[in-house]
Amino acid sequence: MRQGILTGAGIVIAILAIPLIALVISLRTKWRPGVTFVRHLGRDRFNVVAMRTAGTPGASAQVIRTIGRRSGREYRTPIGLRRTPTGWLVTLPYGTSPDWLKNLLAAGSAEIEVEGEIRTVTAPRVVSRAEVAHLLTSGDRMVARVFGADEFLLLDDAGQADT
């Protein structure tokens, strides 16, 4: 009986651990098919849930509003932001491939929704982990190491947006 329970628990743990290990390996190695799969899974499943509260007071995710570089359409994407002395820092676990980032870099500015407030951000620039090491918390450094995030986005805060 005990052997059966332990075997069943081991199988459940393996079933849960294998996708997590694949996620970490895909992001750390920047294996394009794996990164693309994770991005699409996030976009199609997790972002829908995150957008319910993103940008509101107390939410764990904020929102970046970008304009499509080809379509001209407005997009809203949940992201994680960390305040810096002059603006905002975003960890880029998928590298520079997300469309919202390409749209932001092409436009040179965007709006973010943080704590229920809309702010304009400008001067987007992708930088290395070494360049922003002094801005990272120990938790940020750990997440960056685990997922192999070597690129970060710095944004200048231009203040409250006109709405």
C-alpha atoms as a PDB file:
ATOM      1  CA  MET A   1       0.000   0.000   0.000  1.00  0.00           C
ATOM      2  CA  ARG A   2       2.718   2.436   1.032  1.00  0.00           C
ATOM      3  CA  GLN A   3       4.768   1.547  -2.057  1.00  0.00           C
ATOM      4  CA  GLY A   4       1.754   2.320  -4.293  1.00  0.00           C
ATOM      5  CA  ILE A   5       1.195   5.707  -2.663  1.00  0.00           C
ATOM      6  CA  LEU A   6       4.866   6.637  -3.023  1.00  0.00           C
ATOM      7  CA  THR A   7       4.886   5.530  -6.661  1.00  0.00           C
ATOM      8  CA  GLY A   8       1.718   7.533  -7.374  1.00  0.00           C
ATOM      9  CA  ALA A   9       3.163  10.619  -5.655  1.00  0.00           C
ATOM     10  CA  GLY A  10       6.364  10.261  -7.657  1.00  0.00           C
ATOM     11  CA  ILE A  11       4.424  10.089 -10.914  1.00  0.00           C
ATOM     12  CA  VAL A  12       2.397  13.192 -10.028  1.00  0.00           C
ATOM     13  CA  ILE A  13       5.544  15.105  -9.104  1.00  0.00           C
ATOM     14  CA  ALA A  14       7.227  14.062 -12.366  1.00  0.00           C
ATOM     15  CA  ILE A  15       4.183  15.112 -14.399  1.00  0.00           C
ATOM     16  CA  LEU A  16       4.260  18.535 -12.746  1.00  0.00           C
ATOM     17  CA  ALA A  17       8.046  18.938 -12.822  1.00  0.00           C
ATOM     18  CA  ILE A  18       8.703  18.019 -16.463  1.00  0.00           C
ATOM     19  CA  PRO A  19       6.872  21.033 -17.989  1.00  0.00           C
ATOM     20  CA  LEU A  20       8.548  23.373 -15.478  1.00  0.00           C
ATOM     21  CA  ILE A  21      11.976  21.969 -16.313  1.00  0.00           C
ATOM     22  CA  ALA A  22      11.230  22.283 -20.043  1.00  0.00           C
ATOM     23  CA  LEU A  23      10.170  25.918 -19.506  1.00  0.00           C
ATOM     24  CA  VAL A  24      13.366  26.796 -17.655  1.00  0.00           C
ATOM     25  CA  ILE A  25      15.587  25.002 -20.188  1.00  0.00           C
ATOM     26  CA  SER A  26      13.798  26.655 -23.138  1.00  0.00           C
ATOM     27  CA  LEU A  27      14.189  30.139 -21.679  1.00  0.00           C
ATOM     28  CA  ARG A  28      17.764  29.632 -20.439  1.00  0.00           C
ATOM     29  CA  THR A  29      18.979  28.287 -23.783  1.00  0.00           C
ATOM     30  CA  LYS A  30      16.804  30.682 -25.819  1.00  0.00           C
ATOM     31  CA  TRP A  31      15.692  27.661 -27.885  1.00  0.00           C
ATOM     32  CA  ARG A  32      13.445  29.483 -30.372  1.00  0.00           C
ATOM     33  CA  PRO A  33      10.620  26.862 -30.649  1.00  0.00           C
ATOM     34  CA  GLY A  34      10.426  26.589 -26.844  1.00  0.00           C
ATOM     35  CA  VAL A  35      10.482  30.353 -26.294  1.00  0.00           C
ATOM     36  CA  THR A  36       7.829  30.826 -28.993  1.00  0.00           C
ATOM     37  CA  PHE A  37       5.629  28.158 -27.393  1.00  0.00           C
ATOM     38  CA  VAL A  38       5.958  29.757 -23.939  1.00  0.00           C
ATOM     39  CA  ARG A  39       5.244  33.247 -25.341  1.00  0.00           C
ATOM     40  CA  HIS A  40       2.136  32.056 -27.168  1.00  0.00           C
ATOM     41  CA  LEU A  41       0.915  30.105 -24.142  1.00  0.00           C
ATOM     42  CA  GLY A  42       1.345  33.213 -22.014  1.00  0.00           C
ATOM     43  CA  ARG A  43      -0.311  35.459 -24.582  1.00  0.00           C
ATOM     44  CA  ASP A  44      -3.261  33.167 -25.228  1.00  0.00           C
ATOM     45  CA  ARG A  45      -3.887  31.852 -21.708  1.00  0.00           C
ATOM     46  CA  PHE A  46      -2.104  33.586 -18.836  1.00  0.00           C
ATOM     47  CA  ASN A  47      -2.283  37.171 -20.109  1.00  0.00           C
ATOM     48  CA  VAL A  48      -6.079  36.939 -20.323  1.00  0.00           C
ATOM     49  CA  VAL A  49      -6.211  36.149 -16.604  1.00  0.00           C
ATOM     50  CA  ALA A  50      -3.547  38.723 -15.674  1.00  0.00           C
ATOM     51  CA  MET A  51      -5.366  41.506 -17.545  1.00  0.00           C
ATOM     52  CA  ARG A  52      -8.340  41.235 -15.185  1.00  0.00           C
ATOM     53  CA  THR A  53      -6.406  43.131 -12.494  1.00  0.00           C
ATOM     54  CA  ALA A  54      -3.206  44.351 -14.195  1.00  0.00           C
ATOM     55  CA  GLY A  55      -2.442  48.008 -13.604  1.00  0.00           C
ATOM     56  CA  THR A  56      -4.878  48.357 -10.706  1.00  0.00           C
ATOM     57  CA  PRO A  57      -3.792  49.196  -7.138  1.00  0.00           C
ATOM     58  CA  GLY A  58      -2.102  46.204  -5.520  1.00  0.00           C
ATOM     59  CA  ALA A  59      -1.895  44.133  -8.719  1.00  0.00           C
ATOM     60  CA  SER A  60       1.235  42.081  -9.349  1.00  0.00           C
ATOM     61  CA  ALA A  61       1.259  42.974 -13.070  1.00  0.00           C
ATOM     62  CA  GLN A  62       1.102  46.334 -14.764  1.00  0.00           C
ATOM     63  CA  VAL A  63       0.000  47.153 -18.309  1.00  0.00           C
ATOM     64  CA  ILE A  64       1.966  48.597 -21.178  1.00  0.00           C
ATOM     65  CA  ARG A  65      -0.019  50.229 -23.979  1.00  0.00           C
ATOM     66  CA  THR A  66       1.763  50.138 -27.321  1.00  0.00           C
ATOM     67  CA  ILE A  67       0.762  51.057 -30.857  1.00  0.00           C
ATOM     68  CA  GLY A  68       1.287  48.388 -33.506  1.00  0.00           C
ATOM     69  CA  ARG A  69       4.157  49.374 -35.766  1.00  0.00           C
ATOM     70  CA  ARG A  70       2.323  48.062 -38.840  1.00  0.00           C
ATOM     71  CA  SER A  71      -1.338  47.982 -37.839  1.00  0.00           C
ATOM     72  CA  GLY A  72      -1.526  51.275 -35.920  1.00  0.00           C
ATOM     73  CA  ARG A  73      -3.785  49.441 -33.448  1.00  0.00           C
ATOM     74  CA  GLU A  74      -3.441  49.910 -29.666  1.00  0.00           C
ATOM     75  CA  TYR A  75      -2.327  46.847 -27.701  1.00  0.00           C
ATOM     76  CA  ARG A  76      -2.435  46.319 -23.949  1.00  0.00           C
ATOM     77  CA  THR A  77      -0.003  43.774 -22.503  1.00  0.00           C
ATOM     78  CA  PRO A  78       0.546  42.788 -18.867  1.00  0.00           C
ATOM     79  CA  ILE A  79       4.169  43.154 -17.781  1.00  0.00           C
ATOM     80  CA  GLY A  80       6.195  43.331 -14.592  1.00  0.00           C
ATOM     81  CA  LEU A  81       7.710  46.728 -13.824  1.00  0.00           C
ATOM     82  CA  ARG A  82      10.189  47.747 -11.155  1.00  0.00           C
ATOM     83  CA  ARG A  83      10.550  51.435 -10.250  1.00  0.00           C
ATOM     84  CA  THR A  84      13.996  52.986 -10.725  1.00  0.00           C
ATOM     85  CA  PRO A  85      15.165  56.473  -9.696  1.00  0.00           C
ATOM     86  CA  THR A  86      14.398  57.835 -13.193  1.00  0.00           C
ATOM     87  CA  GLY A  87      11.759  55.481 -14.533  1.00  0.00           C
ATOM     88  CA  TRP A  88      11.064  51.761 -14.862  1.00  0.00           C
ATOM     89  CA  LEU A  89      12.862  48.456 -15.346  1.00  0.00           C
ATOM     90  CA  VAL A  90      11.403  45.414 -17.123  1.00  0.00           C
ATOM     91  CA  THR A  91      12.989  41.953 -17.102  1.00  0.00           C
ATOM     92  CA  LEU A  92      12.941  40.402 -20.593  1.00  0.00           C
ATOM     93  CA  PRO A  93      12.899  36.611 -20.047  1.00  0.00           C
ATOM     94  CA  TYR A  94      11.931  36.037 -23.720  1.00  0.00           C
ATOM     95  CA  GLY A  95      14.658  38.331 -25.007  1.00  0.00           C
ATOM     96  CA  THR A  96      13.767  41.012 -27.540  1.00  0.00           C
ATOM     97  CA  SER A  97      11.279  38.958 -29.567  1.00  0.00           C
ATOM     98  CA  PRO A  98       7.893  39.994 -28.061  1.00  0.00           C
ATOM     99  CA  ASP A  99       5.798  42.154 -30.383  1.00  0.00           C
ATOM    100  CA  TRP A 100       4.942  44.662 -27.635  1.00  0.00           C
ATOM    101  CA  LEU A 101       8.674  45.340 -27.217  1.00  0.00           C
ATOM    102  CA  LYS A 102       9.248  45.726 -30.960  1.00  0.00           C
ATOM    103  CA  ASN A 103       6.290  48.138 -31.101  1.00  0.00           C
ATOM    104  CA  LEU A 104       7.653  50.128 -28.155  1.00  0.00           C
ATOM    105  CA  LEU A 105      11.165  50.357 -29.584  1.00  0.00           C
ATOM    106  CA  ALA A 106       9.776  51.455 -32.975  1.00  0.00           C
ATOM    107  CA  ALA A 107       7.542  54.142 -31.420  1.00  0.00           C
ATOM    108  CA  GLY A 108      10.031  55.372 -28.805  1.00  0.00           C
ATOM    109  CA  SER A 109       7.317  55.841 -26.191  1.00  0.00           C
ATOM    110  CA  ALA A 110       4.230  54.211 -24.693  1.00  0.00           C
ATOM    111  CA  GLU A 111       1.847  54.465 -21.797  1.00  0.00           C
ATOM    112  CA  ILE A 112       1.840  52.243 -18.735  1.00  0.00           C
ATOM    113  CA  GLU A 113      -0.909  51.568 -16.228  1.00  0.00           C
ATOM    114  CA  VAL A 114       0.513  51.347 -12.717  1.00  0.00           C
ATOM    115  CA  GLU A 115      -1.513  51.351  -9.493  1.00  0.00           C
ATOM    116  CA  GLY A 116      -4.532  52.726 -11.351  1.00  0.00           C
ATOM    117  CA  GLU A 117      -2.547  55.612 -12.833  1.00  0.00           C
ATOM    118  CA  ILE A 118      -1.600  56.091 -16.496  1.00  0.00           C
ATOM    119  CA  ARG A 119       1.951  57.296 -17.103  1.00  0.00           C
ATOM    120  CA  THR A 120       3.958  58.043 -20.243  1.00  0.00           C
ATOM    121  CA  VAL A 121       7.293  56.291 -20.677  1.00  0.00           C
ATOM    122  CA  THR A 122       9.988  57.307 -23.154  1.00  0.00           C
ATOM    123  CA  ALA A 123      13.528  56.472 -24.273  1.00  0.00           C
ATOM    124  CA  PRO A 124      13.164  52.677 -24.249  1.00  0.00           C
ATOM    125  CA  ARG A 125      16.492  50.912 -24.327  1.00  0.00           C
ATOM    126  CA  VAL A 126      17.484  47.276 -24.000  1.00  0.00           C
ATOM    127  CA  VAL A 127      20.434  46.820 -21.663  1.00  0.00           C
ATOM    128  CA  SER A 128      22.438  43.938 -20.207  1.00  0.00           C
ATOM    129  CA  ARG A 129      22.043  42.477 -16.734  1.00  0.00           C
ATOM    130  CA  ALA A 130      25.452  43.920 -15.816  1.00  0.00           C
ATOM    131  CA  GLU A 131      24.248  47.446 -16.669  1.00  0.00           C
ATOM    132  CA  VAL A 132      21.266  47.223 -14.312  1.00  0.00           C
ATOM    133  CA  ALA A 133      22.740  44.971 -11.605  1.00  0.00           C
ATOM    134  CA  HIS A 134      22.637  47.864  -9.111  1.00  0.00           C
ATOM    135  CA  LEU A 135      18.862  48.219  -9.684  1.00  0.00           C
ATOM    136  CA  LEU A 136      17.986  44.542  -9.161  1.00  0.00           C
ATOM    137  CA  THR A 137      16.700  43.108  -5.909  1.00  0.00           C
ATOM    138  CA  SER A 138      17.978  39.724  -4.761  1.00  0.00           C
ATOM    139  CA  GLY A 139      14.701  38.229  -6.002  1.00  0.00           C
ATOM    140  CA  ASP A 140      15.161  39.854  -9.419  1.00  0.00           C
ATOM    141  CA  ARG A 141      18.696  38.482  -9.644  1.00  0.00           C
ATOM    142  CA  MET A 142      17.533  34.980  -8.742  1.00  0.00           C
ATOM    143  CA  VAL A 143      14.723  35.016 -11.341  1.00  0.00           C
ATOM    144  CA  ALA A 144      17.119  36.364 -13.975  1.00  0.00           C
ATOM    145  CA  ARG A 145      19.617  33.584 -13.225  1.00  0.00           C
ATOM    146  CA  VAL A 146      17.014  30.797 -13.216  1.00  0.00           C
ATOM    147  CA  PHE A 147      15.440  31.881 -16.509  1.00  0.00           C
ATOM    148  CA  GLY A 148      18.648  33.101 -18.129  1.00  0.00           C
ATOM    149  CA  ALA A 149      17.329  36.650 -18.502  1.00  0.00           C
ATOM    150  CA  ASP A 150      20.327  38.669 -19.623  1.00  0.00           C
ATOM    151  CA  GLU A 151      18.382  41.526 -21.233  1.00  0.00           C
ATOM    152  CA  PHE A 152      16.365  44.203 -19.501  1.00  0.00           C
ATOM    153  CA  LEU A 153      14.373  47.191 -20.670  1.00  0.00           C
ATOM    154  CA  LEU A 154      14.886  50.627 -19.156  1.00  0.00           C
ATOM    155  CA  LEU A 155      12.194  53.271 -19.586  1.00  0.00           C
ATOM    156  CA  ASP A 156      12.238  56.912 -18.562  1.00  0.00           C
ATOM    157  CA  ASP A 157       9.150  58.144 -16.732  1.00  0.00           C
ATOM    158  CA  ALA A 158       7.732  61.228 -18.468  1.00  0.00           C
ATOM    159  CA  GLY A 159       4.968  61.620 -15.886  1.00  0.00           C
ATOM    160  CA  GLN A 160       1.242  61.276 -15.790  1.00  0.00           C
ATOM    161  CA  ALA A 161      -0.335  60.856 -19.221  1.00  0.00           C
ATOM    162  CA  ASP A 162      -3.101  63.137 -20.460  1.00  0.00           C
ATOM    163  CA  THR A 163      -6.313  61.095 -20.500  1.00  0.00           C
END
